[in-house]
């Protein structure tokens, strides 16, 4: 099993236009909690017994944290692929 996880964080409205532009250009990335390893753990534990029998079947994980400007995009996106 291969898992892709993307956690989307809302850019704080209090940030200056300069700081928001730095987010748009990729110069500022989210370093907010939770840590990426904790996100992976939560996702794997939540999918255990649902998307796969046991998380020991997962052999590859891609995880990242990103900023978004739209509240509707905030959250976690998970893609699960069964490998041949």
PDB file of N, CA and C in Angstrom:
ATOM      1  N   UNK A   1       0.844  -1.176   0.000  1.00  0.00           N
ATOM      2  CA  UNK A   1       0.000   0.000   0.000  1.00  0.00           C
ATOM      3  C   UNK A   1       0.890   1.240   0.000  1.00  0.00           C
ATOM      4  N   UNK A   2       0.469   2.220  -0.783  1.00  0.00           N
ATOM      5  CA  UNK A   2       1.143   3.518  -0.841  1.00  0.00           C
ATOM      6  C   UNK A   2       0.147   4.576  -0.387  1.00  0.00           C
ATOM      7  N   UNK A   3       0.600   5.503   0.443  1.00  0.00           N
ATOM      8  CA  UNK A   3      -0.288   6.541   0.980  1.00  0.00           C
ATOM      9  C   UNK A   3       0.291   7.920   0.694  1.00  0.00           C
ATOM     10  N   UNK A   4      -0.550   8.810   0.187  1.00  0.00           N
ATOM     11  CA  UNK A   4      -0.212  10.229   0.001  1.00  0.00           C
ATOM     12  C   UNK A   4      -1.076  11.037   0.955  1.00  0.00           C
ATOM     13  N   UNK A   5      -0.452  11.842   1.795  1.00  0.00           N
ATOM     14  CA  UNK A   5      -1.178  12.649   2.775  1.00  0.00           C
ATOM     15  C   UNK A   5      -0.785  14.116   2.579  1.00  0.00           C
ATOM     16  N   UNK A   6      -1.784  14.974   2.458  1.00  0.00           N
ATOM     17  CA  UNK A   6      -1.540  16.414   2.410  1.00  0.00           C
ATOM     18  C   UNK A   6      -2.437  17.077   3.439  1.00  0.00           C
ATOM     19  N   UNK A   7      -1.814  17.786   4.375  1.00  0.00           N
ATOM     20  CA  UNK A   7      -2.553  18.533   5.394  1.00  0.00           C
ATOM     21  C   UNK A   7      -2.571  19.999   4.968  1.00  0.00           C
ATOM     22  N   UNK A   8      -3.770  20.549   4.849  1.00  0.00           N
ATOM     23  CA  UNK A   8      -3.949  21.924   4.394  1.00  0.00           C
ATOM     24  C   UNK A   8      -4.293  22.825   5.580  1.00  0.00           C
ATOM     25  N   UNK A   9      -3.499  23.857   5.776  1.00  0.00           N
ATOM     26  CA  UNK A   9      -3.685  24.816   6.865  1.00  0.00           C
ATOM     27  C   UNK A   9      -4.093  26.168   6.302  1.00  0.00           C
ATOM     28  N   UNK A  10      -5.039  26.802   6.947  1.00  0.00           N
ATOM     29  CA  UNK A  10      -5.512  28.112   6.531  1.00  0.00           C
ATOM     30  C   UNK A  10      -4.483  29.180   6.901  1.00  0.00           C
ATOM     31  N   UNK A  11      -4.176  30.035   5.933  1.00  0.00           N
ATOM     32  CA  UNK A  11      -3.279  31.161   6.190  1.00  0.00           C
ATOM     33  C   UNK A  11      -3.990  32.117   7.154  1.00  0.00           C
ATOM     34  N   UNK A  12      -3.336  32.489   8.238  1.00  0.00           N
ATOM     35  CA  UNK A  12      -3.974  33.409   9.190  1.00  0.00           C
ATOM     36  C   UNK A  12      -4.360  34.734   8.513  1.00  0.00           C
ATOM     37  N   UNK A  13      -5.578  35.185   8.743  1.00  0.00           N
ATOM     38  CA  UNK A  13      -6.053  36.434   8.144  1.00  0.00           C
ATOM     39  C   UNK A  13      -5.288  37.635   8.685  1.00  0.00           C
ATOM     40  N   UNK A  14      -4.682  37.491   9.848  1.00  0.00           N
ATOM     41  CA  UNK A  14      -3.939  38.590  10.461  1.00  0.00           C
ATOM     42  C   UNK A  14      -2.579  38.827   9.790  1.00  0.00           C
ATOM     43  N   UNK A  15      -2.150  37.905   8.945  1.00  0.00           N
ATOM     44  CA  UNK A  15      -0.853  38.054   8.295  1.00  0.00           C
ATOM     45  C   UNK A  15      -0.881  39.204   7.301  1.00  0.00           C
ATOM     46  N   UNK A  16       0.240  39.889   7.190  1.00  0.00           N
ATOM     47  CA  UNK A  16       0.365  41.010   6.249  1.00  0.00           C
ATOM     48  C   UNK A  16       0.286  40.499   4.808  1.00  0.00           C
ATOM     49  N   UNK A  17       0.017  41.420   3.904  1.00  0.00           N
ATOM     50  CA  UNK A  17      -0.037  41.057   2.476  1.00  0.00           C
ATOM     51  C   UNK A  17       1.328  40.531   2.004  1.00  0.00           C
ATOM     52  N   UNK A  18       2.394  41.095   2.558  1.00  0.00           N
ATOM     53  CA  UNK A  18       3.743  40.647   2.197  1.00  0.00           C
ATOM     54  C   UNK A  18       3.960  39.191   2.617  1.00  0.00           C
ATOM     55  N   UNK A  19       3.526  38.857   3.819  1.00  0.00           N
ATOM     56  CA  UNK A  19       3.677  37.489   4.315  1.00  0.00           C
ATOM     57  C   UNK A  19       2.782  36.527   3.525  1.00  0.00           C
ATOM     58  N   UNK A  20       1.566  36.975   3.183  1.00  0.00           N
ATOM     59  CA  UNK A  20       0.669  36.141   2.383  1.00  0.00           C
ATOM     60  C   UNK A  20       1.245  35.898   0.989  1.00  0.00           C
ATOM     61  N   UNK A  21       1.892  36.904   0.427  1.00  0.00           N
ATOM     62  CA  UNK A  21       2.532  36.740  -0.880  1.00  0.00           C
ATOM     63  C   UNK A  21       3.681  35.742  -0.788  1.00  0.00           C
ATOM     64  N   UNK A  22       4.397  35.754   0.329  1.00  0.00           N
ATOM     65  CA  UNK A  22       5.485  34.786   0.539  1.00  0.00           C
ATOM     66  C   UNK A  22       4.935  33.357   0.593  1.00  0.00           C
ATOM     67  N   UNK A  23       3.728  33.199   1.101  1.00  0.00           N
ATOM     68  CA  UNK A  23       3.078  31.886   1.097  1.00  0.00           C
ATOM     69  C   UNK A  23       2.778  31.482  -0.345  1.00  0.00           C
ATOM     70  N   UNK A  24       2.236  32.417  -1.115  1.00  0.00           N
ATOM     71  CA  UNK A  24       1.890  32.125  -2.520  1.00  0.00           C
ATOM     72  C   UNK A  24       3.109  31.709  -3.346  1.00  0.00           C
ATOM     73  N   UNK A  25       4.250  32.322  -3.077  1.00  0.00           N
ATOM     74  CA  UNK A  25       5.458  32.000  -3.837  1.00  0.00           C
ATOM     75  C   UNK A  25       6.200  30.783  -3.277  1.00  0.00           C
ATOM     76  N   UNK A  26       5.707  30.253  -2.148  1.00  0.00           N
ATOM     77  CA  UNK A  26       6.337  29.067  -1.562  1.00  0.00           C
ATOM     78  C   UNK A  26       7.495  29.375  -0.641  1.00  0.00           C
ATOM     79  N   UNK A  27       7.689  30.656  -0.325  1.00  0.00           N
ATOM     80  CA  UNK A  27       8.785  31.035   0.564  1.00  0.00           C
ATOM     81  C   UNK A  27       8.465  30.756   2.037  1.00  0.00           C
ATOM     82  N   UNK A  28       7.185  30.687   2.359  1.00  0.00           N
ATOM     83  CA  UNK A  28       6.774  30.346   3.729  1.00  0.00           C
ATOM     84  C   UNK A  28       5.937  29.075   3.677  1.00  0.00           C
ATOM     85  N   UNK A  29       6.354  28.095   4.455  1.00  0.00           N
ATOM     86  CA  UNK A  29       5.636  26.815   4.563  1.00  0.00           C
ATOM     87  C   UNK A  29       5.117  26.665   5.990  1.00  0.00           C
ATOM     88  N   UNK A  30       4.068  25.872   6.188  1.00  0.00           N
ATOM     89  CA  UNK A  30       3.545  25.707   7.549  1.00  0.00           C
ATOM     90  C   UNK A  30       4.486  24.902   8.444  1.00  0.00           C
ATOM     91  N   UNK A  31       4.836  25.506   9.554  1.00  0.00           N
ATOM     92  CA  UNK A  31       5.637  24.805  10.570  1.00  0.00           C
ATOM     93  C   UNK A  31       4.841  24.731  11.867  1.00  0.00           C
ATOM     94  N   UNK A  32       3.529  24.738  11.708  1.00  0.00           N
ATOM     95  CA  UNK A  32       2.617  24.696  12.857  1.00  0.00           C
ATOM     96  C   UNK A  32       2.378  23.258  13.291  1.00  0.00           C
ATOM     97  N   UNK A  33       1.870  23.113  14.505  1.00  0.00           N
ATOM     98  CA  UNK A  33       1.515  21.795  15.030  1.00  0.00           C
ATOM     99  C   UNK A  33       0.223  21.335  14.368  1.00  0.00           C
ATOM    100  N   UNK A  34      -0.046  20.055  14.249  1.00  0.00           N
ATOM    101  CA  UNK A  34       0.790  18.949  14.709  1.00  0.00           C
ATOM    102  C   UNK A  34       1.965  18.682  13.769  1.00  0.00           C
ATOM    103  N   UNK A  35       2.970  18.032  14.315  1.00  0.00           N
ATOM    104  CA  UNK A  35       4.132  17.634  13.526  1.00  0.00           C
ATOM    105  C   UNK A  35       3.685  16.645  12.453  1.00  0.00           C
ATOM    106  N   UNK A  36       4.433  16.610  11.355  1.00  0.00           N
ATOM    107  CA  UNK A  36       4.077  15.756  10.222  1.00  0.00           C
ATOM    108  C   UNK A  36       4.023  14.273  10.621  1.00  0.00           C
ATOM    109  N   UNK A  37       4.912  13.841  11.501  1.00  0.00           N
ATOM    110  CA  UNK A  37       4.898  12.431  11.907  1.00  0.00           C
ATOM    111  C   UNK A  37       3.631  12.094  12.690  1.00  0.00           C
ATOM    112  N   UNK A  38       3.115  13.064  13.443  1.00  0.00           N
ATOM    113  CA  UNK A  38       1.868  12.830  14.176  1.00  0.00           C
ATOM    114  C   UNK A  38       0.667  12.784  13.230  1.00  0.00           C
ATOM    115  N   UNK A  39       0.701  13.586  12.171  1.00  0.00           N
ATOM    116  CA  UNK A  39      -0.367  13.529  11.160  1.00  0.00           C
ATOM    117  C   UNK A  39      -0.388  12.157  10.513  1.00  0.00           C
ATOM    118  N   UNK A  40       0.780  11.671  10.121  1.00  0.00           N
ATOM    119  CA  UNK A  40       0.876  10.339   9.494  1.00  0.00           C
ATOM    120  C   UNK A  40       0.341   9.277  10.440  1.00  0.00           C
ATOM    121  N   UNK A  41       0.732   9.326  11.690  1.00  0.00           N
ATOM    122  CA  UNK A  41       0.288   8.328  12.680  1.00  0.00           C
ATOM    123  C   UNK A  41      -1.234   8.344  12.828  1.00  0.00           C
ATOM    124  N   UNK A  42      -1.814   9.536  12.930  1.00  0.00           N
ATOM    125  CA  UNK A  42      -3.271   9.659  13.073  1.00  0.00           C
ATOM    126  C   UNK A  42      -3.989   9.081  11.853  1.00  0.00           C
ATOM    127  N   UNK A  43      -3.494   9.406  10.669  1.00  0.00           N
ATOM    128  CA  UNK A  43      -4.124   8.912   9.431  1.00  0.00           C
ATOM    129  C   UNK A  43      -4.021   7.394   9.356  1.00  0.00           C
ATOM    130  N   UNK A  44      -2.828   6.860   9.590  1.00  0.00           N
ATOM    131  CA  UNK A  44      -2.654   5.400   9.516  1.00  0.00           C
ATOM    132  C   UNK A  44      -3.522   4.680  10.544  1.00  0.00           C
ATOM    133  N   UNK A  45      -3.555   5.189  11.769  1.00  0.00           N
ATOM    134  CA  UNK A  45      -4.391   4.571  12.797  1.00  0.00           C
ATOM    135  C   UNK A  45      -5.867   4.635  12.402  1.00  0.00           C
ATOM    136  N   UNK A  46      -6.287   5.740  11.807  1.00  0.00           N
ATOM    137  CA  UNK A  46      -7.686   5.887  11.406  1.00  0.00           C
ATOM    138  C   UNK A  46      -8.081   4.980  10.249  1.00  0.00           C
ATOM    139  N   UNK A  47      -7.139   4.671   9.377  1.00  0.00           N
ATOM    140  CA  UNK A  47      -7.432   3.822   8.220  1.00  0.00           C
ATOM    141  C   UNK A  47      -7.221   2.340   8.504  1.00  0.00           C
ATOM    142  N   UNK A  48      -6.568   2.028   9.621  1.00  0.00           N
ATOM    143  CA  UNK A  48      -6.313   0.643  10.010  1.00  0.00           C
ATOM    144  C   UNK A  48      -7.636  -0.110  10.148  1.00  0.00           C
ATOM    145  N   UNK A  49      -7.785  -1.183   9.406  1.00  0.00           N
ATOM    146  CA  UNK A  49      -9.007  -1.974   9.456  1.00  0.00           C
ATOM    147  C   UNK A  49     -10.121  -1.414   8.587  1.00  0.00           C
ATOM    148  N   UNK A  50      -9.877  -0.257   7.956  1.00  0.00           N
ATOM    149  CA  UNK A  50     -10.883   0.357   7.080  1.00  0.00           C
ATOM    150  C   UNK A  50     -10.401   0.315   5.631  1.00  0.00           C
ATOM    151  N   UNK A  51      -9.266   0.966   5.351  1.00  0.00           N
ATOM    152  CA  UNK A  51      -8.721   0.997   3.993  1.00  0.00           C
ATOM    153  C   UNK A  51      -7.745  -0.148   3.748  1.00  0.00           C
ATOM    154  N   UNK A  52      -7.233  -0.724   4.821  1.00  0.00           N
ATOM    155  CA  UNK A  52      -6.319  -1.861   4.741  1.00  0.00           C
ATOM    156  C   UNK A  52      -6.440  -2.652   6.035  1.00  0.00           C
ATOM    157  N   UNK A  53      -5.991  -3.897   5.994  1.00  0.00           N
ATOM    158  CA  UNK A  53      -6.105  -4.770   7.160  1.00  0.00           C
ATOM    159  C   UNK A  53      -5.250  -4.290   8.318  1.00  0.00           C
ATOM    160  N   UNK A  54      -3.999  -3.937   8.021  1.00  0.00           N
ATOM    161  CA  UNK A  54      -3.071  -3.503   9.058  1.00  0.00           C
ATOM    162  C   UNK A  54      -2.073  -2.527   8.442  1.00  0.00           C
ATOM    163  N   UNK A  55      -1.647  -1.528   9.209  1.00  0.00           N
ATOM    164  CA  UNK A  55      -0.738  -0.539   8.639  1.00  0.00           C
ATOM    165  C   UNK A  55       0.663  -1.095   8.350  1.00  0.00           C
ATOM    166  N   UNK A  56       0.926  -2.333   8.734  1.00  0.00           N
ATOM    167  CA  UNK A  56       2.200  -2.952   8.349  1.00  0.00           C
ATOM    168  C   UNK A  56       2.251  -3.194   6.835  1.00  0.00           C
ATOM    169  N   UNK A  57       1.080  -3.134   6.170  1.00  0.00           N
ATOM    170  CA  UNK A  57       1.019  -3.297   4.718  1.00  0.00           C
ATOM    171  C   UNK A  57       1.504  -2.054   3.976  1.00  0.00           C
ATOM    172  N   UNK A  58       1.578  -0.923   4.653  1.00  0.00           N
ATOM    173  CA  UNK A  58       2.005   0.328   4.025  1.00  0.00           C
ATOM    174  C   UNK A  58       3.517   0.295   3.853  1.00  0.00           C
ATOM    175  N   UNK A  59       3.960   0.434   2.588  1.00  0.00           N
ATOM    176  CA  UNK A  59       5.400   0.381   2.319  1.00  0.00           C
ATOM    177  C   UNK A  59       5.951   1.720   1.840  1.00  0.00           C
ATOM    178  N   UNK A  60       5.045   2.642   1.501  1.00  0.00           N
ATOM    179  CA  UNK A  60       5.509   3.950   1.036  1.00  0.00           C
ATOM    180  C   UNK A  60       4.534   5.028   1.492  1.00  0.00           C
ATOM    181  N   UNK A  61       5.107   6.118   2.033  1.00  0.00           N
ATOM    182  CA  UNK A  61       4.286   7.240   2.495  1.00  0.00           C
ATOM    183  C   UNK A  61       4.882   8.537   1.977  1.00  0.00           C
ATOM    184  N   UNK A  62       4.025   9.379   1.441  1.00  0.00           N
ATOM    185  CA  UNK A  62       4.384  10.742   1.046  1.00  0.00           C
ATOM    186  C   UNK A  62       3.508  11.656   1.893  1.00  0.00           C
ATOM    187  N   UNK A  63       4.095  12.604   2.607  1.00  0.00           N
ATOM    188  CA  UNK A  63       3.311  13.498   3.462  1.00  0.00           C
ATOM    189  C   UNK A  63       3.845  14.916   3.358  1.00  0.00           C
ATOM    190  N   UNK A  64       2.908  15.874   3.363  1.00  0.00           N
ATOM    191  CA  UNK A  64       3.303  17.270   3.316  1.00  0.00           C
ATOM    192  C   UNK A  64       2.258  18.159   3.982  1.00  0.00           C
ATOM    193  N   UNK A  65       2.699  19.346   4.388  1.00  0.00           N
ATOM    194  CA  UNK A  65       1.804  20.352   4.956  1.00  0.00           C
ATOM    195  C   UNK A  65       1.838  21.555   4.017  1.00  0.00           C
ATOM    196  N   UNK A  66       0.655  22.113   3.717  1.00  0.00           N
ATOM    197  CA  UNK A  66       0.538  23.242   2.797  1.00  0.00           C
ATOM    198  C   UNK A  66      -0.402  24.289   3.369  1.00  0.00           C
ATOM    199  N   UNK A  67      -0.199  25.532   2.947  1.00  0.00           N
ATOM    200  CA  UNK A  67      -1.127  26.597   3.295  1.00  0.00           C
ATOM    201  C   UNK A  67      -2.168  26.753   2.201  1.00  0.00           C
ATOM    202  N   UNK A  68      -3.388  27.126   2.591  1.00  0.00           N
ATOM    203  CA  UNK A  68      -4.465  27.454   1.651  1.00  0.00           C
ATOM    204  C   UNK A  68      -5.105  28.760   2.111  1.00  0.00           C
ATOM    205  N   UNK A  69      -5.784  29.429   1.194  1.00  0.00           N
ATOM    206  CA  UNK A  69      -6.422  30.705   1.502  1.00  0.00           C
ATOM    207  C   UNK A  69      -7.933  30.577   1.661  1.00  0.00           C
ATOM    208  N   UNK A  70      -8.480  29.426   1.319  1.00  0.00           N
ATOM    209  CA  UNK A  70      -9.925  29.204   1.358  1.00  0.00           C
ATOM    210  C   UNK A  70     -10.260  28.226   2.483  1.00  0.00           C
ATOM    211  N   UNK A  71     -11.162  28.631   3.372  1.00  0.00           N
ATOM    212  CA  UNK A  71     -11.560  27.776   4.513  1.00  0.00           C
ATOM    213  C   UNK A  71     -12.063  26.414   4.060  1.00  0.00           C
ATOM    214  N   UNK A  72     -12.682  26.359   2.896  1.00  0.00           N
ATOM    215  CA  UNK A  72     -13.244  25.091   2.405  1.00  0.00           C
ATOM    216  C   UNK A  72     -12.163  24.102   1.998  1.00  0.00           C
ATOM    217  N   UNK A  73     -10.945  24.565   1.792  1.00  0.00           N
ATOM    218  CA  UNK A  73      -9.848  23.683   1.409  1.00  0.00           C
ATOM    219  C   UNK A  73      -9.062  23.180   2.618  1.00  0.00           C
ATOM    220  N   UNK A  74      -9.331  23.749   3.785  1.00  0.00           N
ATOM    221  CA  UNK A  74      -8.616  23.355   4.997  1.00  0.00           C
ATOM    222  C   UNK A  74      -8.981  21.913   5.369  1.00  0.00           C
ATOM    223  N   UNK A  75      -7.991  21.136   5.771  1.00  0.00           N
ATOM    224  CA  UNK A  75      -8.246  19.756   6.170  1.00  0.00           C
ATOM    225  C   UNK A  75      -7.122  18.842   5.722  1.00  0.00           C
ATOM    226  N   UNK A  76      -7.422  17.563   5.633  1.00  0.00           N
ATOM    227  CA  UNK A  76      -6.423  16.568   5.250  1.00  0.00           C
ATOM    228  C   UNK A  76      -6.945  15.775   4.056  1.00  0.00           C
ATOM    229  N   UNK A  77      -6.100  15.639   3.054  1.00  0.00           N
ATOM    230  CA  UNK A  77      -6.418  14.848   1.863  1.00  0.00           C
ATOM    231  C   UNK A  77      -5.558  13.590   1.911  1.00  0.00           C
ATOM    232  N   UNK A  78      -6.192  12.435   1.755  1.00  0.00           N
ATOM    233  CA  UNK A  78      -5.482  11.152   1.829  1.00  0.00           C
ATOM    234  C   UNK A  78      -5.793  10.335   0.576  1.00  0.00           C
ATOM    235  N   UNK A  79      -4.747   9.863  -0.074  1.00  0.00           N
ATOM    236  CA  UNK A  79      -4.887   9.004  -1.253  1.00  0.00           C
ATOM    237  C   UNK A  79      -4.227   7.666  -0.941  1.00  0.00           C
ATOM    238  N   UNK A  80      -4.980   6.600  -1.049  1.00  0.00           N
ATOM    239  CA  UNK A  80      -4.487   5.256  -0.758  1.00  0.00           C
ATOM    240  C   UNK A  80      -4.437   4.469  -2.060  1.00  0.00           C
ATOM    241  N   UNK A  81      -3.273   3.893  -2.359  1.00  0.00           N
ATOM    242  CA  UNK A  81      -3.115   3.095  -3.575  1.00  0.00           C
ATOM    243  C   UNK A  81      -2.615   1.703  -3.206  1.00  0.00           C
ATOM    244  N   UNK A  82      -3.253   0.709  -3.772  1.00  0.00           N
ATOM    245  CA  UNK A  82      -2.776  -0.668  -3.591  1.00  0.00           C
ATOM    246  C   UNK A  82      -1.743  -0.944  -4.674  1.00  0.00           C
ATOM    247  N   UNK A  83      -0.558  -1.352  -4.269  1.00  0.00           N
ATOM    248  CA  UNK A  83       0.508  -1.647  -5.202  1.00  0.00           C
ATOM    249  C   UNK A  83       0.457  -3.095  -5.630  1.00  0.00           C
ATOM    250  N   UNK A  84       0.863  -3.350  -6.838  1.00  0.00           N
ATOM    251  CA  UNK A  84       0.880  -4.713  -7.387  1.00  0.00           C
ATOM    252  C   UNK A  84       2.058  -5.486  -6.836  1.00  0.00           C
TER     253      UNK A  84
END
